[in-house]
C-alpha atoms as a PDB file:
ATOM      1  CA  UNK A   1     149.573  46.005 -19.892  1.00  0.00           C
ATOM      2  CA  UNK A   2     152.322  43.713 -20.679  1.00  0.00           C
ATOM      3  CA  UNK A   3     155.780  44.538 -19.383  1.00  0.00           C
ATOM      4  CA  UNK A   4     156.719  44.713 -15.602  1.00  0.00           C
ATOM      5  CA  UNK A   5     153.789  43.765 -13.422  1.00  0.00           C
ATOM      6  CA  UNK A   6     154.986  45.779 -10.738  1.00  0.00           C
ATOM      7  CA  UNK A   7     154.948  49.100 -12.903  1.00  0.00           C
ATOM      8  CA  UNK A   8     152.580  51.741 -11.897  1.00  0.00           C
ATOM      9  CA  UNK A   9     149.329  51.487 -13.909  1.00  0.00           C
ATOM     10  CA  UNK A  10     148.981  54.966 -15.602  1.00  0.00           C
ATOM     11  CA  UNK A  11     145.314  54.557 -15.069  1.00  0.00           C
ATOM     12  CA  UNK A  12     145.613  54.317 -11.289  1.00  0.00           C
ATOM     13  CA  UNK A  13     145.508  57.872 -10.562  1.00  0.00           C
ATOM     14  CA  UNK A  14     143.025  58.706 -13.334  1.00  0.00           C
ATOM     15  CA  UNK A  15     139.332  58.310 -11.922  1.00  0.00           C
ATOM     16  CA  UNK A  16     136.742  57.362 -14.270  1.00  0.00           C
ATOM     17  CA  UNK A  17     134.392  60.153 -13.851  1.00  0.00           C
ATOM     18  CA  UNK A  18     130.827  58.896 -15.250  1.00  0.00           C
ATOM     19  CA  UNK A  19     129.047  61.839 -17.001  1.00  0.00           C
ATOM     20  CA  UNK A  20     126.902  62.514 -19.917  1.00  0.00           C
ATOM     21  CA  UNK A  21     129.699  61.804 -22.329  1.00  0.00           C
ATOM     22  CA  UNK A  22     130.415  58.271 -21.214  1.00  0.00           C
ATOM     23  CA  UNK A  23     129.104  55.494 -23.546  1.00  0.00           C
ATOM     24  CA  UNK A  24     129.474  51.853 -24.076  1.00  0.00           C
ATOM     25  CA  UNK A  25     131.796  52.686 -27.150  1.00  0.00           C
ATOM     26  CA  UNK A  26     134.153  54.698 -24.861  1.00  0.00           C
ATOM     27  CA  UNK A  27     134.279  51.830 -22.216  1.00  0.00           C
ATOM     28  CA  UNK A  28     135.118  49.572 -25.125  1.00  0.00           C
ATOM     29  CA  UNK A  29     137.952  51.738 -25.948  1.00  0.00           C
ATOM     30  CA  UNK A  30     139.198  52.027 -22.480  1.00  0.00           C
ATOM     31  CA  UNK A  31     139.328  48.221 -22.259  1.00  0.00           C
ATOM     32  CA  UNK A  32     140.994  47.890 -25.791  1.00  0.00           C
ATOM     33  CA  UNK A  33     143.850  50.110 -24.717  1.00  0.00           C
ATOM     34  CA  UNK A  34     144.375  48.532 -21.444  1.00  0.00           C
ATOM     35  CA  UNK A  35     142.632  50.380 -18.828  1.00  0.00           C
ATOM     36  CA  UNK A  36     142.376  47.929 -15.833  1.00  0.00           C
ATOM     37  CA  UNK A  37     138.765  48.318 -15.010  1.00  0.00           C
ATOM     38  CA  UNK A  38     138.933  45.742 -12.175  1.00  0.00           C
ATOM     39  CA  UNK A  39     140.841  48.067 -10.188  1.00  0.00           C
ATOM     40  CA  UNK A  40     140.210  51.486 -11.671  1.00  0.00           C
ATOM     41  CA  UNK A  41     138.295  54.036  -9.290  1.00  0.00           C
ATOM     42  CA  UNK A  42     135.036  54.948 -10.527  1.00  0.00           C
ATOM     43  CA  UNK A  43     134.887  58.465  -9.200  1.00  0.00           C
ATOM     44  CA  UNK A  44     137.401  60.977  -7.719  1.00  0.00           C
ATOM     45  CA  UNK A  45     135.314  61.446  -4.670  1.00  0.00           C
ATOM     46  CA  UNK A  46     134.893  57.650  -4.169  1.00  0.00           C
ATOM     47  CA  UNK A  47     138.143  55.762  -4.828  1.00  0.00           C
ATOM     48  CA  UNK A  48     136.627  52.710  -3.374  1.00  0.00           C
ATOM     49  CA  UNK A  49     133.985  52.258  -5.965  1.00  0.00           C
ATOM     50  CA  UNK A  50     134.426  50.133  -9.069  1.00  0.00           C
ATOM     51  CA  UNK A  51     133.305  51.458 -12.249  1.00  0.00           C
ATOM     52  CA  UNK A  52     130.024  49.430 -11.935  1.00  0.00           C
ATOM     53  CA  UNK A  53     129.333  51.116  -8.756  1.00  0.00           C
ATOM     54  CA  UNK A  54     130.006  54.533  -9.955  1.00  0.00           C
ATOM     55  CA  UNK A  55     127.743  53.996 -13.027  1.00  0.00           C
ATOM     56  CA  UNK A  56     124.914  52.698 -11.095  1.00  0.00           C
ATOM     57  CA  UNK A  57     125.387  55.442  -8.449  1.00  0.00           C
ATOM     58  CA  UNK A  58     125.149  57.967 -11.119  1.00  0.00           C
ATOM     59  CA  UNK A  59     121.934  56.270 -12.638  1.00  0.00           C
ATOM     60  CA  UNK A  60     123.714  54.950 -15.643  1.00  0.00           C
ATOM     61  CA  UNK A  61     122.084  51.614 -15.554  1.00  0.00           C
ATOM     62  CA  UNK A  62     122.861  50.885 -19.159  1.00  0.00           C
ATOM     63  CA  UNK A  63     126.561  51.589 -18.644  1.00  0.00           C
ATOM     64  CA  UNK A  64     126.650  49.143 -15.673  1.00  0.00           C
ATOM     65  CA  UNK A  65     125.191  46.445 -17.640  1.00  0.00           C
ATOM     66  CA  UNK A  66     127.744  46.995 -20.487  1.00  0.00           C
ATOM     67  CA  UNK A  67     130.467  46.773 -17.824  1.00  0.00           C
ATOM     68  CA  UNK A  68     128.969  43.242 -16.724  1.00  0.00           C
ATOM     69  CA  UNK A  69     128.921  42.067 -20.123  1.00  0.00           C
ATOM     70  CA  UNK A  70     132.606  42.988 -20.589  1.00  0.00           C
ATOM     71  CA  UNK A  71     133.414  40.846 -17.349  1.00  0.00           C
ATOM     72  CA  UNK A  72     134.124  43.921 -15.004  1.00  0.00           C
ATOM     73  CA  UNK A  73     133.657  42.366 -11.542  1.00  0.00           C
ATOM     74  CA  UNK A  74     131.199  43.586  -8.838  1.00  0.00           C
ATOM     75  CA  UNK A  75     133.344  42.786  -6.030  1.00  0.00           C
ATOM     76  CA  UNK A  76     136.365  44.993  -5.035  1.00  0.00           C
ATOM     77  CA  UNK A  77     139.064  45.172  -2.483  1.00  0.00           C
ATOM     78  CA  UNK A  78     139.517  48.796  -1.550  1.00  0.00           C
ATOM     79  CA  UNK A  79     142.941  50.511  -1.152  1.00  0.00           C
ATOM     80  CA  UNK A  80     142.619  50.123   2.574  1.00  0.00           C
ATOM     81  CA  UNK A  81     142.129  46.451   2.472  1.00  0.00           C
ATOM     82  CA  UNK A  82     138.448  46.389   2.993  1.00  0.00           C
ATOM     83  CA  UNK A  83     136.388  43.955   0.836  1.00  0.00           C
ATOM     84  CA  UNK A  84     133.565  45.788  -1.075  1.00  0.00           C
ATOM     85  CA  UNK A  85     130.617  43.833  -2.149  1.00  0.00           C
ATOM     86  CA  UNK A  86     128.212  44.987  -4.819  1.00  0.00           C
ATOM     87  CA  UNK A  87     125.366  43.012  -6.094  1.00  0.00           C
ATOM     88  CA  UNK A  88     123.276  43.754  -9.333  1.00  0.00           C
ATOM     89  CA  UNK A  89     119.776  42.836 -10.037  1.00  0.00           C
ATOM     90  CA  UNK A  90     118.742  42.342 -13.839  1.00  0.00           C
ATOM     91  CA  UNK A  91     115.230  42.478 -14.959  1.00  0.00           C
ATOM     92  CA  UNK A  92     113.937  42.300 -18.538  1.00  0.00           C
ATOM     93  CA  UNK A  93     117.613  41.924 -19.828  1.00  0.00           C
ATOM     94  CA  UNK A  94     118.889  45.050 -18.188  1.00  0.00           C
ATOM     95  CA  UNK A  95     120.276  46.321 -14.784  1.00  0.00           C
ATOM     96  CA  UNK A  96     117.214  46.822 -12.530  1.00  0.00           C
ATOM     97  CA  UNK A  97     118.864  47.685  -9.251  1.00  0.00           C
ATOM     98  CA  UNK A  98     122.081  47.366  -6.972  1.00  0.00           C
ATOM     99  CA  UNK A  99     123.335  47.270  -3.689  1.00  0.00           C
ATOM    100  CA  UNK A 100     126.848  48.116  -2.407  1.00  0.00           C
ATOM    101  CA  UNK A 101     128.520  47.755   1.099  1.00  0.00           C
ATOM    102  CA  UNK A 102     131.719  46.539   2.682  1.00  0.00           C
ATOM    103  CA  UNK A 103     133.149  44.736   5.620  1.00  0.00           C
ATOM    104  CA  UNK A 104     134.237  46.836   8.660  1.00  0.00           C
ATOM    105  CA  UNK A 105     136.383  44.812  10.779  1.00  0.00           C
ATOM    106  CA  UNK A 106     133.676  42.148  11.873  1.00  0.00           C
ATOM    107  CA  UNK A 107     130.723  43.885  10.676  1.00  0.00           C
ATOM    108  CA  UNK A 108     129.225  44.866   7.244  1.00  0.00           C
ATOM    109  CA  UNK A 109     127.924  48.244   6.325  1.00  0.00           C
ATOM    110  CA  UNK A 110     125.316  48.700   3.635  1.00  0.00           C
ATOM    111  CA  UNK A 111     126.450  51.762   1.752  1.00  0.00           C
ATOM    112  CA  UNK A 112     123.812  52.191  -0.899  1.00  0.00           C
ATOM    113  CA  UNK A 113     120.678  50.354  -2.366  1.00  0.00           C
ATOM    114  CA  UNK A 114     119.096  51.721  -5.485  1.00  0.00           C
ATOM    115  CA  UNK A 115     116.430  50.355  -7.907  1.00  0.00           C
ATOM    116  CA  UNK A 116     115.792  51.884 -11.438  1.00  0.00           C
ATOM    117  CA  UNK A 117     112.402  53.602 -11.043  1.00  0.00           C
ATOM    118  CA  UNK A 118     111.181  51.715 -13.953  1.00  0.00           C
ATOM    119  CA  UNK A 119     111.470  48.491 -11.920  1.00  0.00           C
ATOM    120  CA  UNK A 120     110.196  49.727  -8.416  1.00  0.00           C
ATOM    121  CA  UNK A 121     107.723  48.100  -6.140  1.00  0.00           C
ATOM    122  CA  UNK A 122     108.637  44.706  -7.509  1.00  0.00           C
ATOM    123  CA  UNK A 123     110.584  43.421  -4.591  1.00  0.00           C
ATOM    124  CA  UNK A 124     113.961  43.911  -6.110  1.00  0.00           C
ATOM    125  CA  UNK A 125     115.317  46.339  -3.424  1.00  0.00           C
ATOM    126  CA  UNK A 126     114.288  43.858  -0.628  1.00  0.00           C
ATOM    127  CA  UNK A 127     115.670  40.733  -2.580  1.00  0.00           C
ATOM    128  CA  UNK A 128     119.033  42.862  -2.904  1.00  0.00           C
ATOM    129  CA  UNK A 129     119.112  43.461   0.655  1.00  0.00           C
ATOM    130  CA  UNK A 130     118.569  39.818   1.741  1.00  0.00           C
ATOM    131  CA  UNK A 131     121.317  38.603  -0.650  1.00  0.00           C
ATOM    132  CA  UNK A 132     123.735  41.265   0.747  1.00  0.00           C
ATOM    133  CA  UNK A 133     123.045  40.165   4.224  1.00  0.00           C
ATOM    134  CA  UNK A 134     123.754  36.533   3.167  1.00  0.00           C
ATOM    135  CA  UNK A 135     126.844  37.568   1.402  1.00  0.00           C
ATOM    136  CA  UNK A 136     127.971  39.387   4.263  1.00  0.00           C
ATOM    137  CA  UNK A 137     127.333  36.670   6.678  1.00  0.00           C
ATOM    138  CA  UNK A 138     129.190  34.226   4.371  1.00  0.00           C
ATOM    139  CA  UNK A 139     132.159  36.694   4.803  1.00  0.00           C
ATOM    140  CA  UNK A 140     131.936  36.399   8.653  1.00  0.00           C
ATOM    141  CA  UNK A 141     129.922  39.519   9.461  1.00  0.00           C
ATOM    142  CA  UNK A 142     128.432  39.500  12.974  1.00  0.00           C
ATOM    143  CA  UNK A 143     125.844  42.216  11.918  1.00  0.00           C
ATOM    144  CA  UNK A 144     124.993  44.420   8.942  1.00  0.00           C
ATOM    145  CA  UNK A 145     124.476  48.025   9.586  1.00  0.00           C
ATOM    146  CA  UNK A 146     123.188  51.012   7.439  1.00  0.00           C
ATOM    147  CA  UNK A 147     122.205  54.567   7.534  1.00  0.00           C
ATOM    148  CA  UNK A 148     119.340  56.107   6.203  1.00  0.00           C
ATOM    149  CA  UNK A 149     117.519  59.595   5.720  1.00  0.00           C
ATOM    150  CA  UNK A 150     114.204  60.134   7.495  1.00  0.00           C
ATOM    151  CA  UNK A 151     112.866  61.429   4.283  1.00  0.00           C
ATOM    152  CA  UNK A 152     111.488  60.285   2.053  1.00  0.00           C
ATOM    153  CA  UNK A 153     109.366  58.806   4.654  1.00  0.00           C
ATOM    154  CA  UNK A 154     109.265  55.217   3.303  1.00  0.00           C
ATOM    155  CA  UNK A 155     113.173  54.676   3.654  1.00  0.00           C
ATOM    156  CA  UNK A 156     113.301  53.798   7.323  1.00  0.00           C
ATOM    157  CA  UNK A 157     110.178  51.737   7.463  1.00  0.00           C
ATOM    158  CA  UNK A 158     111.335  49.717   4.264  1.00  0.00           C
ATOM    159  CA  UNK A 159     114.498  48.791   6.259  1.00  0.00           C
ATOM    160  CA  UNK A 160     112.613  48.103   9.505  1.00  0.00           C
ATOM    161  CA  UNK A 161     110.222  45.611   7.723  1.00  0.00           C
ATOM    162  CA  UNK A 162     113.403  43.645   6.714  1.00  0.00           C
ATOM    163  CA  UNK A 163     114.646  43.450  10.220  1.00  0.00           C
ATOM    164  CA  UNK A 164     116.823  46.487  10.800  1.00  0.00           C
ATOM    165  CA  UNK A 165     116.397  48.259  14.025  1.00  0.00           C
ATOM    166  CA  UNK A 166     117.050  51.924  14.758  1.00  0.00           C
ATOM    167  CA  UNK A 167     120.404  52.448  16.653  1.00  0.00           C
ATOM    168  CA  UNK A 168     120.909  55.169  19.429  1.00  0.00           C
ATOM    169  CA  UNK A 169     123.808  57.569  18.571  1.00  0.00           C
ATOM    170  CA  UNK A 170     125.331  56.710  21.793  1.00  0.00           C
ATOM    171  CA  UNK A 171     125.535  52.974  20.814  1.00  0.00           C
ATOM    172  CA  UNK A 172     127.276  53.756  17.462  1.00  0.00           C
ATOM    173  CA  UNK A 173     130.488  51.727  16.948  1.00  0.00           C
ATOM    174  CA  UNK A 174     133.644  53.491  16.510  1.00  0.00           C
ATOM    175  CA  UNK A 175     133.763  53.362  12.847  1.00  0.00           C
ATOM    176  CA  UNK A 176     130.209  54.707  12.375  1.00  0.00           C
ATOM    177  CA  UNK A 177     131.170  58.262  13.052  1.00  0.00           C
END
């Protein structure tokens, strides 16, 4: 950027929307012209996501890998001060899966786990969950929570196999609304 370090970054209020027109070349131009992709929100509806998270959540595996090659970090501190942790799994030289979550007071919340279908059923998802749990514990998390859909039918059993248990709505913590 140059100039006053306290000056408002013109990119701050311009979310990077990942769409069919986003390409590695456009990412390179954004970086070349000073976009601070370490802080830039990925999507208008998710200002706490990094560009890598937005690309992955939208199934843009090649863009996420390009961000990593350009040194865009996977960790992020959200505007409200919460620490966001994301981990990326690579296989065969490309992004194969990711997990993202954040600290909520003394607990961690796993927001999203996604594995590229081309790499499914290889243990990548389970390995990402276990690495996320380890990272959360290293940051002082007492517990790791998640919510999942009852369909597809493999969701809940997958997480139960990894040690998660169902929590009754009456036992939700205040931030679990």
